[in-house]
Amino acid sequence: VLDSGIDAKHPDFSGRIHRDSRSFVPGQPFDVDDYGHGTHVAGILAGSGRQFQGIAPEATLLVLRVFDSTGRADEGRVAAAIQYAADHGADVINFSGGYAPVVHGVPLIDPPWVWRFSEMKEEREVRRAFDKGVLSIVSAGNHGRFGFGTICCPATSPHAIAVGSIGKDRVLSSFSSRGPSYRCADIDPADHVVSLSDLTTPTIAQARPHLVAVGGEVDPDAACRYQLGVASAYSGATSVAQDACLIPTAREYCKMAGTSQAAPVVAGLAALAIERLDETQGRPIGVKAKRARAQQVRRLLLASTDPVTVRSPSRTVGKGIPTWRKLELRIREAVNRGP
């Protein structure tokens, strides 16, 4: 879990935080989450609570702090954490974050955004992790209100699974970033992204997001803007501000909404798929076998979906909503079919 750390005292994570967890933020430990985001994401992925339980409640969490107490990170920090996770035995990486040309809610560049064709630093580490058999699940971004072509980096990586958000009504969340993700070879390597309107050269459009999952919705007129969000673990080190709403009947939990909350749903399903495959096929030995398993899990996830709505274009919802019911069936078929 690459995020803002975790509240290690929260009972939902007891005994399941890996000893190699660490912080990449100087002076800010991984086991104190004063921003709150990482604890909430980790709870969706692997919380073991009775009232609010995560998707994979027995998973071991390698917690790598990349966001500081204000929720900011930098490209080098995230890239280093991806590399560290791949080198320390991770099976699945969840990164509920990303870069986009937006500052204080205002786009610096009009979408659709066009990214340079050559790999960016985070994308390179996502690819290297995949080559080592580690599947990266990345939030698509929360910039859908600006229109199409608003996928964040590194959800732009062809080796990641980019996840958008739907509400509990199975309708696309208003904030969920829309695809496609555009690339162009003629962008200067020093540039991260330019506007499609600035280009006269051909571009490549890549389908994004790949999948969607429940990430909630935001009601700007409600007392709690996130009342339509997802319930998950609350970090005791942070104060409840504009980005969290405590649940009165369960004070160790709060609600948040975003593609940040959708990504760990898919990461949890990936963890369950890996567990089931290892039970039936044996844990892979060697990088080549682990890479084959990551490729298999990726195919299974993309093939185990329900549609969102009849008219939802793939550039907004990808393949649809992955479900454990279909994923389990696909795993069973794959095991019976053999190598």
Protein backbone atom coordinates (compact mmCIF):
# COMPACT_ATOMS: atom_id res chain seq x y z
CA VAL A 1 0.00 0.00 0.00
CA LEU A 2 1.71 3.17 -1.26
CA ASP A 3 -0.05 5.98 0.55
CA SER A 4 0.09 8.28 3.59
CA GLY A 5 1.01 5.51 6.01
CA ILE A 6 -1.34 3.65 8.32
CA ASP A 7 -2.73 3.91 11.83
CA ALA A 8 -0.89 0.87 13.17
CA LYS A 9 -2.97 1.03 16.37
CA HIS A 10 -6.24 0.45 14.53
CA PRO A 11 -7.56 -3.00 15.50
CA ASP A 12 -8.48 -3.85 11.89
CA PHE A 13 -4.79 -4.26 10.99
CA SER A 14 -3.55 -6.05 14.09
CA GLY A 15 -0.68 -8.46 13.36
CA ARG A 16 -0.80 -7.94 9.57
CA ILE A 17 1.60 -5.05 8.93
CA HIS A 18 4.78 -6.36 7.32
CA ARG A 19 8.05 -5.84 9.17
CA ASP A 20 9.65 -4.32 6.04
CA SER A 21 7.13 -1.44 5.94
CA ARG A 22 8.82 1.96 5.83
CA SER A 23 8.39 5.62 5.06
CA PHE A 24 9.86 7.46 2.09
CA VAL A 25 8.88 10.81 3.65
CA PRO A 26 11.66 12.22 5.86
CA GLY A 27 10.59 12.67 9.47
CA GLN A 28 7.12 11.15 8.98
CA PRO A 29 6.80 7.48 10.07
CA PHE A 30 4.78 4.91 8.15
CA ASP A 31 2.84 3.74 11.23
CA VAL A 32 1.32 7.14 12.06
CA ASP A 33 -1.16 8.40 9.48
CA ASP A 34 -1.78 12.08 10.18
CA TYR A 35 -3.41 12.57 6.77
CA GLY A 36 -5.85 9.66 7.10
CA HIS A 37 -5.97 8.63 3.46
CA GLY A 38 -3.71 5.57 3.72
CA THR A 39 -5.58 4.08 6.66
CA HIS A 40 -8.89 4.44 4.84
CA VAL A 41 -7.51 2.85 1.65
CA ALA A 42 -5.87 0.00 3.60
CA GLY A 43 -9.17 -0.69 5.35
CA ILE A 44 -11.03 -1.09 2.05
CA LEU A 45 -8.34 -3.40 0.78
CA ALA A 46 -7.70 -5.51 3.88
CA GLY A 47 -9.49 -4.29 7.01
CA SER A 48 -10.63 -7.12 9.29
CA GLY A 49 -13.41 -5.29 11.15
CA ARG A 50 -16.68 -7.02 11.91
CA GLN A 51 -18.85 -4.07 10.93
CA PHE A 52 -16.77 -2.77 7.99
CA GLN A 53 -14.56 -5.44 6.48
CA GLY A 54 -12.14 -5.10 3.59
CA ILE A 55 -12.03 -7.21 0.45
CA ALA A 56 -9.04 -9.34 1.55
CA PRO A 57 -9.15 -9.23 5.38
CA GLU A 58 -6.31 -11.72 5.88
CA ALA A 59 -3.80 -10.03 3.56
CA THR A 60 -0.43 -8.92 4.91
CA LEU A 61 0.16 -5.21 4.31
CA LEU A 62 3.53 -3.83 3.24
CA VAL A 63 2.91 -0.17 4.07
CA LEU A 64 5.09 2.32 2.20
CA ARG A 65 4.49 5.96 3.02
CA VAL A 66 4.87 8.29 0.03
CA PHE A 67 2.36 11.06 0.91
CA ASP A 68 3.25 13.63 3.55
CA SER A 69 0.88 15.04 6.15
CA THR A 70 -0.68 17.33 3.52
CA GLY A 71 -1.26 14.53 1.01
CA ARG A 72 1.58 15.49 -1.31
CA ALA A 73 4.16 13.20 -2.91
CA ASP A 74 6.75 13.50 -5.65
CA GLU A 75 7.59 11.32 -8.63
CA GLY A 76 10.93 10.11 -7.26
CA ARG A 77 9.42 9.06 -3.94
CA VAL A 78 6.63 7.05 -5.58
CA ALA A 79 9.00 5.42 -8.08
CA ALA A 80 11.36 4.40 -5.27
CA ALA A 81 8.50 2.90 -3.27
CA ILE A 82 7.25 0.86 -6.26
CA GLN A 83 10.76 -0.51 -6.73
CA TYR A 84 11.05 -1.27 -3.01
CA ALA A 85 7.72 -3.13 -2.98
CA ALA A 86 8.77 -5.28 -5.95
CA ASP A 87 12.09 -6.07 -4.26
CA HIS A 88 10.51 -6.99 -0.91
CA GLY A 89 8.06 -9.67 -1.93
CA ALA A 90 4.89 -7.75 -2.76
CA ASP A 91 2.30 -9.57 -4.88
CA VAL A 92 0.02 -6.58 -5.49
CA ILE A 93 0.72 -2.85 -5.32
CA ASN A 94 -2.11 -0.41 -4.61
CA PHE A 95 -1.38 3.24 -5.40
CA SER A 96 -4.37 5.50 -4.80
CA GLY A 97 -2.75 8.62 -6.16
CA GLY A 98 -1.29 10.13 -9.27
CA TYR A 99 -0.08 13.19 -11.10
CA ALA A 100 -2.21 15.47 -13.28
CA PRO A 101 -1.71 19.09 -14.43
CA VAL A 102 -4.20 20.40 -11.85
CA VAL A 103 -3.44 22.81 -9.00
CA HIS A 104 -6.00 23.65 -6.30
CA GLY A 105 -8.76 22.13 -8.41
CA VAL A 106 -7.93 24.17 -11.51
CA PRO A 107 -6.42 22.50 -14.63
CA LEU A 108 -3.21 24.16 -15.82
CA ILE A 109 -3.74 22.59 -19.25
CA ASP A 110 -7.10 22.11 -20.93
CA PRO A 111 -7.95 18.43 -21.42
CA PRO A 112 -7.75 16.11 -23.18
CA TRP A 113 -4.18 15.78 -21.90
CA VAL A 114 -1.47 14.21 -24.03
CA TRP A 115 1.44 12.48 -22.31
CA ARG A 116 4.82 11.95 -23.89
CA PHE A 117 5.27 8.57 -25.54
CA SER A 118 8.47 7.69 -23.68
CA GLU A 119 7.99 6.19 -20.22
CA MET A 120 7.77 8.48 -17.24
CA LYS A 121 9.62 7.53 -14.06
CA GLU A 122 6.63 6.03 -12.22
CA GLU A 123 5.50 4.16 -15.33
CA ARG A 124 8.95 2.66 -15.74
CA GLU A 125 8.87 1.27 -12.20
CA VAL A 126 5.33 -0.09 -12.72
CA ARG A 127 6.64 -1.96 -15.77
CA ARG A 128 9.68 -3.25 -13.92
CA ALA A 129 7.48 -4.40 -11.05
CA PHE A 130 5.22 -6.24 -13.50
CA ASP A 131 8.28 -7.90 -15.04
CA LYS A 132 9.02 -9.20 -11.53
CA GLY A 133 5.48 -10.54 -11.18
CA VAL A 134 3.92 -7.67 -9.21
CA LEU A 135 0.56 -6.32 -10.38
CA SER A 136 0.00 -2.57 -9.84
CA ILE A 137 -3.53 -1.27 -9.26
CA VAL A 138 -3.74 2.53 -9.67
CA SER A 139 -6.57 5.02 -9.22
CA ALA A 140 -7.58 6.71 -12.48
CA GLY A 141 -7.94 10.17 -10.94
CA ASN A 142 -10.68 12.51 -9.74
CA HIS A 143 -10.76 14.96 -12.63
CA GLY A 144 -13.74 13.68 -14.60
CA ARG A 145 -15.60 16.98 -14.21
CA PHE A 146 -13.09 18.52 -16.65
CA GLY A 147 -14.11 16.07 -19.39
CA PHE A 148 -12.47 13.27 -21.35
CA GLY A 149 -8.76 12.55 -21.50
CA THR A 150 -8.16 13.23 -17.80
CA ILE A 151 -6.47 9.99 -16.65
CA CYS A 152 -3.63 10.56 -14.16
CA CYS A 153 -0.09 9.17 -14.24
CA PRO A 154 0.84 6.33 -13.51
CA ALA A 155 -2.66 5.02 -14.32
CA THR A 156 -1.49 5.86 -17.84
CA SER A 157 0.95 2.92 -17.70
CA PRO A 158 0.05 -0.02 -19.98
CA HIS A 159 1.33 -2.34 -17.24
CA ALA A 160 -0.98 -0.99 -14.52
CA ILE A 161 -4.69 -1.60 -14.04
CA ALA A 162 -6.34 1.83 -13.96
CA VAL A 163 -9.51 1.96 -11.83
CA GLY A 164 -12.33 4.47 -12.10
CA SER A 165 -15.19 5.00 -9.65
CA ILE A 166 -18.90 4.28 -9.58
CA GLY A 167 -21.41 5.16 -6.88
CA LYS A 168 -23.37 2.65 -4.86
CA ASP A 169 -26.12 3.08 -7.48
CA ARG A 170 -23.67 1.61 -10.06
CA VAL A 171 -23.57 4.89 -11.96
CA LEU A 172 -20.25 6.50 -12.88
CA SER A 173 -19.11 8.91 -10.15
CA SER A 174 -19.17 12.52 -11.30
CA PHE A 175 -15.50 13.02 -10.38
CA SER A 176 -14.09 9.82 -11.95
CA SER A 177 -11.46 10.63 -14.60
CA ARG A 178 -12.42 9.68 -18.13
CA GLY A 179 -10.27 8.22 -20.86
CA PRO A 180 -8.82 7.74 -23.28
CA SER A 181 -5.22 8.36 -22.33
CA TYR A 182 -3.38 10.08 -25.19
CA ARG A 183 0.34 9.68 -25.98
CA CYS A 184 2.50 11.46 -28.52
CA ALA A 185 6.11 10.83 -29.55
CA ASP A 186 6.75 14.47 -30.45
CA ILE A 187 6.39 15.86 -26.92
CA ASP A 188 9.68 17.07 -25.47
CA PRO A 189 10.94 14.56 -22.86
CA ALA A 190 11.17 17.42 -20.37
CA ASP A 191 7.40 17.89 -20.55
CA HIS A 192 4.98 15.73 -18.62
CA VAL A 193 1.81 16.55 -20.51
CA VAL A 194 0.41 18.97 -23.11
CA SER A 195 -3.05 19.69 -24.45
CA LEU A 196 -4.36 17.84 -27.49
CA SER A 197 -5.32 21.23 -28.94
CA ASP A 198 -1.62 22.20 -28.94
CA LEU A 199 -0.65 19.33 -31.23
CA THR A 200 -0.70 18.99 -34.99
CA THR A 201 1.02 15.58 -34.99
CA PRO A 202 -0.72 12.19 -34.70
CA THR A 203 -1.33 10.75 -31.24
CA ILE A 204 -2.07 7.32 -29.85
CA ALA A 205 -5.25 6.88 -27.79
CA GLN A 206 -5.04 4.18 -25.10
CA ALA A 207 -8.17 2.79 -23.47
CA ARG A 208 -8.50 3.88 -19.83
CA PRO A 209 -9.74 3.16 -17.23
CA HIS A 210 -9.55 -0.62 -17.37
CA LEU A 211 -12.12 -1.27 -14.63
CA VAL A 212 -14.42 0.55 -12.21
CA ALA A 213 -15.38 -0.22 -8.62
CA VAL A 214 -17.44 1.46 -5.93
CA GLY A 215 -15.66 4.64 -4.85
CA GLY A 216 -18.73 6.58 -3.75
CA GLU A 217 -20.00 9.98 -4.72
CA VAL A 218 -19.68 13.50 -3.32
CA ASP A 219 -22.60 15.71 -2.31
CA PRO A 220 -21.23 19.29 -2.09
CA ASP A 221 -24.44 20.57 -0.46
CA ALA A 222 -24.52 18.08 2.42
CA ALA A 223 -23.16 18.73 5.91
CA CYS A 224 -20.71 15.92 5.21
CA ARG A 225 -19.58 16.12 1.60
CA TYR A 226 -18.66 12.43 1.69
CA GLN A 227 -21.95 11.07 3.06
CA LEU A 228 -22.23 9.01 -0.14
CA GLY A 229 -18.69 7.72 0.27
CA VAL A 230 -17.24 4.38 1.31
CA ALA A 231 -17.01 3.41 4.99
CA SER A 232 -13.56 2.29 6.11
CA ALA A 233 -10.96 2.63 8.86
CA TYR A 234 -10.36 6.06 10.39
CA SER A 235 -6.91 7.14 11.53
CA GLY A 236 -6.89 8.47 15.08
CA ALA A 237 -3.91 10.70 14.27
CA THR A 238 -5.87 12.96 11.92
CA SER A 239 -8.66 15.43 12.58
CA VAL A 240 -11.96 15.14 10.75
CA ALA A 241 -11.91 17.89 8.15
CA GLN A 242 -13.32 18.36 4.67
CA ASP A 243 -12.10 14.98 3.44
CA ALA A 244 -13.58 12.63 6.04
CA CYS A 245 -16.83 12.02 7.91
CA LEU A 246 -16.88 9.98 11.08
CA ILE A 247 -19.62 7.40 11.43
CA PRO A 248 -21.47 8.21 14.69
CA THR A 249 -22.28 4.59 15.49
CA ALA A 250 -18.71 3.40 14.80
CA ARG A 251 -16.16 6.06 15.75
CA GLU A 252 -13.18 4.11 14.38
CA TYR A 253 -14.57 4.46 10.86
CA CYS A 254 -15.26 7.28 8.44
CA LYS A 255 -16.46 7.83 4.89
CA MET A 256 -14.45 9.08 1.96
CA ALA A 257 -15.06 9.04 -1.79
CA GLY A 258 -12.79 8.96 -4.82
CA THR A 259 -11.07 6.71 -7.29
CA SER A 260 -8.67 6.28 -4.35
CA GLN A 261 -11.40 4.24 -2.70
CA ALA A 262 -12.22 2.26 -5.85
CA ALA A 263 -8.66 1.07 -6.54
CA PRO A 264 -8.24 -0.98 -3.31
CA VAL A 265 -11.44 -2.89 -4.12
CA VAL A 266 -9.72 -4.21 -7.25
CA ALA A 267 -6.42 -4.69 -5.41
CA GLY A 268 -8.26 -6.79 -2.82
CA LEU A 269 -9.82 -8.92 -5.55
CA ALA A 270 -6.37 -9.40 -7.07
CA ALA A 271 -5.07 -10.57 -3.69
CA LEU A 272 -7.93 -13.06 -3.35
CA ALA A 273 -7.30 -14.34 -6.87
CA ILE A 274 -3.60 -14.85 -6.10
CA GLU A 275 -4.47 -16.69 -2.88
CA ARG A 276 -6.88 -19.00 -4.73
CA LEU A 277 -4.42 -19.68 -7.55
CA ASP A 278 -1.62 -20.43 -5.08
CA GLU A 279 -3.88 -22.86 -3.22
CA THR A 280 -4.57 -24.81 -6.39
CA GLN A 281 -1.40 -24.35 -8.45
CA GLY A 282 1.21 -23.83 -5.75
CA ARG A 283 3.08 -20.61 -5.06
CA PRO A 284 5.25 -19.71 -8.07
CA ILE A 285 8.99 -20.22 -7.75
CA GLY A 286 11.21 -17.79 -9.66
CA VAL A 287 10.57 -14.51 -11.43
CA LYS A 288 9.33 -16.09 -14.65
CA ALA A 289 6.61 -18.09 -12.87
CA LYS A 290 5.57 -15.10 -10.75
CA ARG A 291 5.33 -12.92 -13.86
CA ALA A 292 3.12 -15.54 -15.53
CA ARG A 293 0.84 -15.47 -12.47
CA ALA A 294 0.59 -11.65 -12.59
CA GLN A 295 -0.33 -11.84 -16.27
CA GLN A 296 -2.93 -14.49 -15.50
CA VAL A 297 -4.50 -12.47 -12.68
CA ARG A 298 -4.66 -9.39 -14.90
CA ARG A 299 -6.47 -11.36 -17.63
CA LEU A 300 -8.85 -12.89 -15.09
CA LEU A 301 -9.75 -9.52 -13.57
CA LEU A 302 -10.50 -7.96 -16.96
CA ALA A 303 -12.61 -10.96 -17.97
CA SER A 304 -14.68 -11.14 -14.77
CA THR A 305 -16.87 -8.05 -14.98
CA ASP A 306 -20.47 -6.94 -14.89
CA PRO A 307 -21.59 -3.99 -17.05
CA VAL A 308 -22.23 -0.62 -15.39
CA THR A 309 -24.99 0.83 -17.56
CA VAL A 310 -26.06 -0.05 -21.08
CA ARG A 311 -24.86 3.22 -22.57
CA SER A 312 -21.68 3.82 -20.60
CA PRO A 313 -18.79 4.20 -23.08
CA SER A 314 -15.66 2.16 -22.40
CA ARG A 315 -13.62 5.36 -22.10
CA THR A 316 -15.45 6.05 -18.81
CA VAL A 317 -15.96 2.57 -17.29
CA GLY A 318 -13.53 0.27 -19.11
CA LYS A 319 -14.51 -3.40 -18.99
CA GLY A 320 -16.98 -2.76 -16.16
CA ILE A 321 -17.19 -3.87 -12.52
CA PRO A 322 -15.13 -6.93 -11.51
CA THR A 323 -16.99 -9.34 -9.25
CA TRP A 324 -15.70 -12.15 -7.06
CA ARG A 325 -18.48 -14.42 -8.29
CA LYS A 326 -17.25 -14.26 -11.87
CA LEU A 327 -13.59 -14.10 -10.89
CA GLU A 328 -13.88 -17.30 -8.85
CA LEU A 329 -15.58 -19.03 -11.76
CA ARG A 330 -12.85 -17.92 -14.17
CA ILE A 331 -10.16 -19.14 -11.77
CA ARG A 332 -11.84 -22.53 -11.52
CA GLU A 333 -12.01 -22.77 -15.32
CA ALA A 334 -8.36 -21.76 -15.65
CA VAL A 335 -7.24 -24.36 -13.09
CA ASN A 336 -9.27 -27.11 -14.73
CA ARG A 337 -7.88 -26.16 -18.14
CA GLY A 338 -4.29 -26.45 -16.87
CA PRO A 339 -1.18 -24.75 -18.22
